[in-house]
Amino acid sequence: MLRQIVGDRAATDMIYRGEFMASSEAQKIGLVDEVVSEDKVEARAVEKVEELAALPRQAFDDLKDNRVQAVRTMYDESFKSKHEY
């Protein structure tokens, strides 16, 4: 899923280097949606949850399935290739 979100190059760099990343860089590559000050983070998190909760349930399920499907397909293909005789 990480590769799907931030791309191959950024994901590989994160996995192999394991270094901390500035919040501005995390936002730039799509790892975080936004950066807010510490005193506003809780209020913004509640707002975000309320926005997500207001989505039609089917839309949320479809978004989740779309995100997971690519990972599921890669896993299934890898499993199949490793277990073919």
PDB file of N, CA and C in Angstrom:
ATOM      1  N   MET A   1       0.820  -1.186   0.000  1.00  0.00           N
ATOM      2  CA  MET A   1       0.000   0.000   0.000  1.00  0.00           C
ATOM      3  C   MET A   1       0.866   1.252   0.000  1.00  0.00           C
ATOM      4  N   LEU A   2       1.996   1.187   0.663  1.00  0.00           N
ATOM      5  CA  LEU A   2       2.877   2.352   0.711  1.00  0.00           C
ATOM      6  C   LEU A   2       3.285   2.781  -0.692  1.00  0.00           C
ATOM      7  N   ARG A   3       3.654   1.827  -1.523  1.00  0.00           N
ATOM      8  CA  ARG A   3       4.036   2.155  -2.907  1.00  0.00           C
ATOM      9  C   ARG A   3       2.884   2.785  -3.664  1.00  0.00           C
ATOM     10  N   GLN A   4       1.682   2.333  -3.392  1.00  0.00           N
ATOM     11  CA  GLN A   4       0.498   2.871  -4.045  1.00  0.00           C
ATOM     12  C   GLN A   4       0.273   4.327  -3.637  1.00  0.00           C
ATOM     13  N   ILE A   5       0.582   4.657  -2.414  1.00  0.00           N
ATOM     14  CA  ILE A   5       0.331   6.004  -1.898  1.00  0.00           C
ATOM     15  C   ILE A   5       1.439   6.974  -2.278  1.00  0.00           C
ATOM     16  N   VAL A   6       2.691   6.591  -2.062  1.00  0.00           N
ATOM     17  CA  VAL A   6       3.799   7.542  -2.255  1.00  0.00           C
ATOM     18  C   VAL A   6       4.637   7.276  -3.493  1.00  0.00           C
ATOM     19  N   GLY A   7       4.408   6.159  -4.164  1.00  0.00           N
ATOM     20  CA  GLY A   7       5.189   5.833  -5.355  1.00  0.00           C
ATOM     21  C   GLY A   7       6.363   4.930  -5.027  1.00  0.00           C
ATOM     22  N   ASP A   8       6.876   4.276  -6.051  1.00  0.00           N
ATOM     23  CA  ASP A   8       7.954   3.301  -5.869  1.00  0.00           C
ATOM     24  C   ASP A   8       9.233   3.903  -5.292  1.00  0.00           C
ATOM     25  N   ARG A   9       9.658   5.021  -5.849  1.00  0.00           N
ATOM     26  CA  ARG A   9      10.927   5.611  -5.417  1.00  0.00           C
ATOM     27  C   ARG A   9      10.886   6.011  -3.944  1.00  0.00           C
ATOM     28  N   ALA A  10       9.842   6.745  -3.552  1.00  0.00           N
ATOM     29  CA  ALA A  10       9.745   7.191  -2.159  1.00  0.00           C
ATOM     30  C   ALA A  10       9.583   6.004  -1.210  1.00  0.00           C
ATOM     31  N   ALA A  11       8.774   5.023  -1.605  1.00  0.00           N
ATOM     32  CA  ALA A  11       8.569   3.853  -0.751  1.00  0.00           C
ATOM     33  C   ALA A  11       9.864   3.078  -0.555  1.00  0.00           C
ATOM     34  N   THR A  12      10.589   2.863  -1.633  1.00  0.00           N
ATOM     35  CA  THR A  12      11.865   2.141  -1.531  1.00  0.00           C
ATOM     36  C   THR A  12      12.828   2.895  -0.630  1.00  0.00           C
ATOM     37  N   ASP A  13      12.898   4.194  -0.803  1.00  0.00           N
ATOM     38  CA  ASP A  13      13.776   5.018   0.025  1.00  0.00           C
ATOM     39  C   ASP A  13      13.379   4.906   1.499  1.00  0.00           C
ATOM     40  N   MET A  14      12.104   4.979   1.776  1.00  0.00           N
ATOM     41  CA  MET A  14      11.635   4.890   3.161  1.00  0.00           C
ATOM     42  C   MET A  14      11.945   3.522   3.766  1.00  0.00           C
ATOM     43  N   ILE A  15      11.711   2.472   2.991  1.00  0.00           N
ATOM     44  CA  ILE A  15      11.911   1.108   3.496  1.00  0.00           C
ATOM     45  C   ILE A  15      13.386   0.828   3.792  1.00  0.00           C
ATOM     46  N   TYR A  16      14.261   1.202   2.876  1.00  0.00           N
ATOM     47  CA  TYR A  16      15.680   0.864   3.043  1.00  0.00           C
ATOM     48  C   TYR A  16      16.442   1.813   3.950  1.00  0.00           C
ATOM     49  N   ARG A  17      16.080   3.089   3.931  1.00  0.00           N
ATOM     50  CA  ARG A  17      16.816   4.042   4.755  1.00  0.00           C
ATOM     51  C   ARG A  17      16.240   4.161   6.145  1.00  0.00           C
ATOM     52  N   GLY A  18      14.925   4.080   6.276  1.00  0.00           N
ATOM     53  CA  GLY A  18      14.292   4.116   7.594  1.00  0.00           C
ATOM     54  C   GLY A  18      14.543   5.379   8.378  1.00  0.00           C
ATOM     55  N   GLU A  19      14.727   6.490   7.692  1.00  0.00           N
ATOM     56  CA  GLU A  19      15.011   7.745   8.378  1.00  0.00           C
ATOM     57  C   GLU A  19      13.734   8.539   8.611  1.00  0.00           C
ATOM     58  N   PHE A  20      13.786   9.433   9.587  1.00  0.00           N
ATOM     59  CA  PHE A  20      12.660  10.317   9.834  1.00  0.00           C
ATOM     60  C   PHE A  20      12.510  11.270   8.662  1.00  0.00           C
ATOM     61  N   MET A  21      11.294  11.740   8.459  1.00  0.00           N
ATOM     62  CA  MET A  21      10.991  12.619   7.333  1.00  0.00           C
ATOM     63  C   MET A  21      10.323  13.877   7.871  1.00  0.00           C
ATOM     64  N   ALA A  22      10.662  15.002   7.302  1.00  0.00           N
ATOM     65  CA  ALA A  22      10.017  16.254   7.684  1.00  0.00           C
ATOM     66  C   ALA A  22       8.540  16.200   7.297  1.00  0.00           C
ATOM     67  N   SER A  23       7.708  16.833   8.075  1.00  0.00           N
ATOM     68  CA  SER A  23       6.271  16.820   7.799  1.00  0.00           C
ATOM     69  C   SER A  23       5.958  17.425   6.439  1.00  0.00           C
ATOM     70  N   SER A  24       6.705  18.430   6.034  1.00  0.00           N
ATOM     71  CA  SER A  24       6.470  19.047   4.727  1.00  0.00           C
ATOM     72  C   SER A  24       6.774  18.066   3.594  1.00  0.00           C
ATOM     73  N   GLU A  25       7.795  17.250   3.759  1.00  0.00           N
ATOM     74  CA  GLU A  25       8.139  16.238   2.758  1.00  0.00           C
ATOM     75  C   GLU A  25       7.083  15.134   2.729  1.00  0.00           C
ATOM     76  N   ALA A  26       6.606  14.724   3.903  1.00  0.00           N
ATOM     77  CA  ALA A  26       5.560  13.711   3.977  1.00  0.00           C
ATOM     78  C   ALA A  26       4.296  14.190   3.272  1.00  0.00           C
ATOM     79  N   GLN A  27       3.996  15.457   3.414  1.00  0.00           N
ATOM     80  CA  GLN A  27       2.826  16.011   2.728  1.00  0.00           C
ATOM     81  C   GLN A  27       3.070  16.087   1.224  1.00  0.00           C
ATOM     82  N   LYS A  28       4.258  16.460   0.844  1.00  0.00           N
ATOM     83  CA  LYS A  28       4.601  16.593  -0.571  1.00  0.00           C
ATOM     84  C   LYS A  28       4.443  15.270  -1.330  1.00  0.00           C
ATOM     85  N   ILE A  29       4.826  14.161  -0.704  1.00  0.00           N
ATOM     86  CA  ILE A  29       4.746  12.864  -1.386  1.00  0.00           C
ATOM     87  C   ILE A  29       3.410  12.160  -1.169  1.00  0.00           C
ATOM     88  N   GLY A  30       2.513  12.764  -0.389  1.00  0.00           N
ATOM     89  CA  GLY A  30       1.186  12.200  -0.199  1.00  0.00           C
ATOM     90  C   GLY A  30       1.034  11.264   0.977  1.00  0.00           C
ATOM     91  N   LEU A  31       2.030  11.220   1.847  1.00  0.00           N
ATOM     92  CA  LEU A  31       1.955  10.340   3.008  1.00  0.00           C
ATOM     93  C   LEU A  31       0.985  10.891   4.057  1.00  0.00           C
ATOM     94  N   VAL A  32       0.881  12.202   4.147  1.00  0.00           N
ATOM     95  CA  VAL A  32      -0.085  12.852   5.038  1.00  0.00           C
ATOM     96  C   VAL A  32      -0.926  13.823   4.220  1.00  0.00           C
ATOM     97  N   ASP A  33      -2.160  14.022   4.648  1.00  0.00           N
ATOM     98  CA  ASP A  33      -3.073  14.909   3.928  1.00  0.00           C
ATOM     99  C   ASP A  33      -2.749  16.381   4.146  1.00  0.00           C
ATOM    100  N   GLU A  34      -2.432  16.722   5.379  1.00  0.00           N
ATOM    101  CA  GLU A  34      -2.133  18.106   5.694  1.00  0.00           C
ATOM    102  C   GLU A  34      -1.299  18.167   6.965  1.00  0.00           C
ATOM    103  N   VAL A  35      -0.667  19.298   7.153  1.00  0.00           N
ATOM    104  CA  VAL A  35       0.148  19.526   8.343  1.00  0.00           C
ATOM    105  C   VAL A  35      -0.480  20.679   9.111  1.00  0.00           C
ATOM    106  N   VAL A  36      -0.787  20.437  10.379  1.00  0.00           N
ATOM    107  CA  VAL A  36      -1.382  21.478  11.221  1.00  0.00           C
ATOM    108  C   VAL A  36      -0.570  21.620  12.495  1.00  0.00           C
ATOM    109  N   SER A  37      -0.726  22.756  13.130  1.00  0.00           N
ATOM    110  CA  SER A  37       0.013  22.993  14.373  1.00  0.00           C
ATOM    111  C   SER A  37      -0.514  22.072  15.476  1.00  0.00           C
ATOM    112  N   GLU A  38       0.325  21.840  16.462  1.00  0.00           N
ATOM    113  CA  GLU A  38      -0.005  20.910  17.541  1.00  0.00           C
ATOM    114  C   GLU A  38      -1.287  21.314  18.264  1.00  0.00           C
ATOM    115  N   ASP A  39      -1.506  22.598  18.429  1.00  0.00           N
ATOM    116  CA  ASP A  39      -2.689  23.049  19.152  1.00  0.00           C
ATOM    117  C   ASP A  39      -3.983  22.875  18.339  1.00  0.00           C
ATOM    118  N   LYS A  40      -3.872  22.606  17.049  1.00  0.00           N
ATOM    119  CA  LYS A  40      -5.055  22.450  16.197  1.00  0.00           C
ATOM    120  C   LYS A  40      -5.263  21.022  15.707  1.00  0.00           C
ATOM    121  N   VAL A  41      -4.319  20.136  16.003  1.00  0.00           N
ATOM    122  CA  VAL A  41      -4.371  18.795  15.427  1.00  0.00           C
ATOM    123  C   VAL A  41      -5.600  17.997  15.878  1.00  0.00           C
ATOM    124  N   GLU A  42      -5.960  18.067  17.146  1.00  0.00           N
ATOM    125  CA  GLU A  42      -7.105  17.295  17.617  1.00  0.00           C
ATOM    126  C   GLU A  42      -8.407  17.783  16.973  1.00  0.00           C
ATOM    127  N   ALA A  43      -8.595  19.086  16.917  1.00  0.00           N
ATOM    128  CA  ALA A  43      -9.808  19.640  16.305  1.00  0.00           C
ATOM    129  C   ALA A  43      -9.877  19.267  14.821  1.00  0.00           C
ATOM    130  N   ARG A  44      -8.743  19.329  14.134  1.00  0.00           N
ATOM    131  CA  ARG A  44      -8.739  18.991  12.707  1.00  0.00           C
ATOM    132  C   ARG A  44      -8.991  17.505  12.494  1.00  0.00           C
ATOM    133  N   ALA A  45      -8.475  16.671  13.379  1.00  0.00           N
ATOM    134  CA  ALA A  45      -8.709  15.228  13.281  1.00  0.00           C
ATOM    135  C   ALA A  45     -10.203  14.924  13.448  1.00  0.00           C
ATOM    136  N   VAL A  46     -10.845  15.591  14.381  1.00  0.00           N
ATOM    137  CA  VAL A  46     -12.285  15.392  14.582  1.00  0.00           C
ATOM    138  C   VAL A  46     -13.049  15.849  13.341  1.00  0.00           C
ATOM    139  N   GLU A  47     -12.663  16.986  12.769  1.00  0.00           N
ATOM    140  CA  GLU A  47     -13.303  17.473  11.540  1.00  0.00           C
ATOM    141  C   GLU A  47     -13.167  16.438  10.416  1.00  0.00           C
ATOM    142  N   LYS A  48     -11.976  15.884  10.280  1.00  0.00           N
ATOM    143  CA  LYS A  48     -11.719  14.909   9.217  1.00  0.00           C
ATOM    144  C   LYS A  48     -12.577  13.653   9.404  1.00  0.00           C
ATOM    145  N   VAL A  49     -12.675  13.179  10.630  1.00  0.00           N
ATOM    146  CA  VAL A  49     -13.501  12.008  10.917  1.00  0.00           C
ATOM    147  C   VAL A  49     -14.960  12.307  10.600  1.00  0.00           C
ATOM    148  N   GLU A  50     -15.409  13.497  10.941  1.00  0.00           N
ATOM    149  CA  GLU A  50     -16.795  13.871  10.646  1.00  0.00           C
ATOM    150  C   GLU A  50     -17.031  13.929   9.130  1.00  0.00           C
ATOM    151  N   GLU A  51     -16.056  14.439   8.389  1.00  0.00           N
ATOM    152  CA  GLU A  51     -16.164  14.474   6.924  1.00  0.00           C
ATOM    153  C   GLU A  51     -16.282  13.066   6.359  1.00  0.00           C
ATOM    154  N   LEU A  52     -15.443  12.163   6.845  1.00  0.00           N
ATOM    155  CA  LEU A  52     -15.477  10.783   6.375  1.00  0.00           C
ATOM    156  C   LEU A  52     -16.781  10.085   6.768  1.00  0.00           C
ATOM    157  N   ALA A  53     -17.250  10.356   7.982  1.00  0.00           N
ATOM    158  CA  ALA A  53     -18.485   9.738   8.456  1.00  0.00           C
ATOM    159  C   ALA A  53     -19.694  10.221   7.657  1.00  0.00           C
ATOM    160  N   ALA A  54     -19.608  11.416   7.085  1.00  0.00           N
ATOM    161  CA  ALA A  54     -20.719  11.965   6.306  1.00  0.00           C
ATOM    162  C   ALA A  54     -20.799  11.362   4.904  1.00  0.00           C
ATOM    163  N   LEU A  55     -19.759  10.695   4.458  1.00  0.00           N
ATOM    164  CA  LEU A  55     -19.788  10.061   3.148  1.00  0.00           C
ATOM    165  C   LEU A  55     -20.800   8.924   3.141  1.00  0.00           C
ATOM    166  N   PRO A  56     -21.438   8.708   2.014  1.00  0.00           N
ATOM    167  CA  PRO A  56     -22.314   7.531   1.926  1.00  0.00           C
ATOM    168  C   PRO A  56     -21.486   6.266   2.191  1.00  0.00           C
ATOM    169  N   ARG A  57     -22.056   5.356   2.927  1.00  0.00           N
ATOM    170  CA  ARG A  57     -21.325   4.146   3.327  1.00  0.00           C
ATOM    171  C   ARG A  57     -20.775   3.395   2.111  1.00  0.00           C
ATOM    172  N   GLN A  58     -21.546   3.299   1.062  1.00  0.00           N
ATOM    173  CA  GLN A  58     -21.099   2.581  -0.132  1.00  0.00           C
ATOM    174  C   GLN A  58     -19.883   3.254  -0.754  1.00  0.00           C
ATOM    175  N   ALA A  59     -19.861   4.590  -0.754  1.00  0.00           N
ATOM    176  CA  ALA A  59     -18.720   5.311  -1.311  1.00  0.00           C
ATOM    177  C   ALA A  59     -17.458   5.007  -0.501  1.00  0.00           C
ATOM    178  N   PHE A  60     -17.575   5.002   0.816  1.00  0.00           N
ATOM    179  CA  PHE A  60     -16.433   4.701   1.671  1.00  0.00           C
ATOM    180  C   PHE A  60     -15.946   3.278   1.429  1.00  0.00           C
ATOM    181  N   ASP A  61     -16.883   2.331   1.347  1.00  0.00           N
ATOM    182  CA  ASP A  61     -16.515   0.935   1.086  1.00  0.00           C
ATOM    183  C   ASP A  61     -15.819   0.789  -0.264  1.00  0.00           C
ATOM    184  N   ASP A  62     -16.318   1.509  -1.261  1.00  0.00           N
ATOM    185  CA  ASP A  62     -15.704   1.451  -2.596  1.00  0.00           C
ATOM    186  C   ASP A  62     -14.293   2.026  -2.580  1.00  0.00           C
ATOM    187  N   LEU A  63     -14.094   3.131  -1.861  1.00  0.00           N
ATOM    188  CA  LEU A  63     -12.754   3.721  -1.750  1.00  0.00           C
ATOM    189  C   LEU A  63     -11.787   2.744  -1.090  1.00  0.00           C
ATOM    190  N   LYS A  64     -12.231   2.111  -0.025  1.00  0.00           N
ATOM    191  CA  LYS A  64     -11.391   1.144   0.688  1.00  0.00           C
ATOM    192  C   LYS A  64     -11.076  -0.054  -0.209  1.00  0.00           C
ATOM    193  N   ASP A  65     -12.098  -0.582  -0.876  1.00  0.00           N
ATOM    194  CA  ASP A  65     -11.875  -1.728  -1.764  1.00  0.00           C
ATOM    195  C   ASP A  65     -10.902  -1.389  -2.880  1.00  0.00           C
ATOM    196  N   ASN A  66     -11.018  -0.186  -3.422  1.00  0.00           N
ATOM    197  CA  ASN A  66     -10.120   0.260  -4.482  1.00  0.00           C
ATOM    198  C   ASN A  66      -8.676   0.293  -3.992  1.00  0.00           C
ATOM    199  N   ARG A  67      -8.463   0.760  -2.788  1.00  0.00           N
ATOM    200  CA  ARG A  67      -7.116   0.858  -2.219  1.00  0.00           C
ATOM    201  C   ARG A  67      -6.540  -0.529  -1.946  1.00  0.00           C
ATOM    202  N   VAL A  68      -7.370  -1.427  -1.463  1.00  0.00           N
ATOM    203  CA  VAL A  68      -6.905  -2.747  -1.065  1.00  0.00           C
ATOM    204  C   VAL A  68      -6.769  -3.687  -2.265  1.00  0.00           C
ATOM    205  N   GLN A  69      -7.554  -3.472  -3.305  1.00  0.00           N
ATOM    206  CA  GLN A  69      -7.580  -4.397  -4.432  1.00  0.00           C
ATOM    207  C   GLN A  69      -6.213  -4.576  -5.088  1.00  0.00           C
ATOM    208  N   ALA A  70      -5.485  -3.484  -5.272  1.00  0.00           N
ATOM    209  CA  ALA A  70      -4.167  -3.593  -5.910  1.00  0.00           C
ATOM    210  C   ALA A  70      -3.224  -4.450  -5.071  1.00  0.00           C
ATOM    211  N   VAL A  71      -3.260  -4.283  -3.768  1.00  0.00           N
ATOM    212  CA  VAL A  71      -2.404  -5.084  -2.883  1.00  0.00           C
ATOM    213  C   VAL A  71      -2.853  -6.545  -2.918  1.00  0.00           C
ATOM    214  N   ARG A  72      -4.152  -6.762  -2.889  1.00  0.00           N
ATOM    215  CA  ARG A  72      -4.681  -8.128  -2.924  1.00  0.00           C
ATOM    216  C   ARG A  72      -4.272  -8.835  -4.221  1.00  0.00           C
ATOM    217  N   THR A  73      -4.353  -8.134  -5.334  1.00  0.00           N
ATOM    218  CA  THR A  73      -3.984  -8.717  -6.629  1.00  0.00           C
ATOM    219  C   THR A  73      -2.500  -9.088  -6.649  1.00  0.00           C
ATOM    220  N   MET A  74      -1.638  -8.187  -6.170  1.00  0.00           N
ATOM    221  CA  MET A  74      -0.207  -8.482  -6.130  1.00  0.00           C
ATOM    222  C   MET A  74       0.076  -9.692  -5.236  1.00  0.00           C
ATOM    223  N   TYR A  75      -0.601  -9.764  -4.091  1.00  0.00           N
ATOM    224  CA  TYR A  75      -0.403 -10.899  -3.190  1.00  0.00           C
ATOM    225  C   TYR A  75      -0.836 -12.199  -3.863  1.00  0.00           C
ATOM    226  N   ASP A  76      -2.029 -12.178  -4.461  1.00  0.00           N
ATOM    227  CA  ASP A  76      -2.541 -13.388  -5.114  1.00  0.00           C
ATOM    228  C   ASP A  76      -1.612 -13.866  -6.220  1.00  0.00           C
ATOM    229  N   GLU A  77      -1.093 -12.946  -7.026  1.00  0.00           N
ATOM    230  CA  GLU A  77      -0.173 -13.313  -8.106  1.00  0.00           C
ATOM    231  C   GLU A  77       1.120 -13.889  -7.548  1.00  0.00           C
ATOM    232  N   SER A  78       1.635 -13.276  -6.497  1.00  0.00           N
ATOM    233  CA  SER A  78       2.872 -13.761  -5.874  1.00  0.00           C
ATOM    234  C   SER A  78       2.655 -15.145  -5.262  1.00  0.00           C
ATOM    235  N   PHE A  79       1.552 -15.319  -4.561  1.00  0.00           N
ATOM    236  CA  PHE A  79       1.239 -16.602  -3.939  1.00  0.00           C
ATOM    237  C   PHE A  79       1.122 -17.691  -5.002  1.00  0.00           C
ATOM    238  N   LYS A  80       0.409 -17.370  -6.077  1.00  0.00           N
ATOM    239  CA  LYS A  80       0.194 -18.347  -7.153  1.00  0.00           C
ATOM    240  C   LYS A  80       1.529 -18.757  -7.761  1.00  0.00           C
ATOM    241  N   SER A  81       2.395 -17.784  -8.055  1.00  0.00           N
ATOM    242  CA  SER A  81       3.676 -18.107  -8.695  1.00  0.00           C
ATOM    243  C   SER A  81       4.587 -18.925  -7.787  1.00  0.00           C
ATOM    244  N   LYS A  82       4.483 -18.698  -6.482  1.00  0.00           N
ATOM    245  CA  LYS A  82       5.327 -19.440  -5.548  1.00  0.00           C
ATOM    246  C   LYS A  82       4.821 -20.851  -5.283  1.00  0.00           C
ATOM    247  N   HIS A  83       3.548 -21.091  -5.550  1.00  0.00           N
ATOM    248  CA  HIS A  83       2.977 -22.383  -5.237  1.00  0.00           C
ATOM    249  C   HIS A  83       2.560 -23.189  -6.456  1.00  0.00           C
ATOM    250  N   GLU A  84       3.000 -22.774  -7.626  1.00  0.00           N
ATOM    251  CA  GLU A  84       2.741 -23.557  -8.824  1.00  0.00           C
ATOM    252  C   GLU A  84       3.777 -24.673  -8.921  1.00  0.00           C
ATOM    253  N   TYR A  85       3.324 -25.823  -9.313  1.00  0.00           N
ATOM    254  CA  TYR A  85       4.236 -26.965  -9.411  1.00  0.00           C
ATOM    255  C   TYR A  85       4.340 -27.402 -10.838  1.00  0.00           C
TER     256      TYR A  85
END
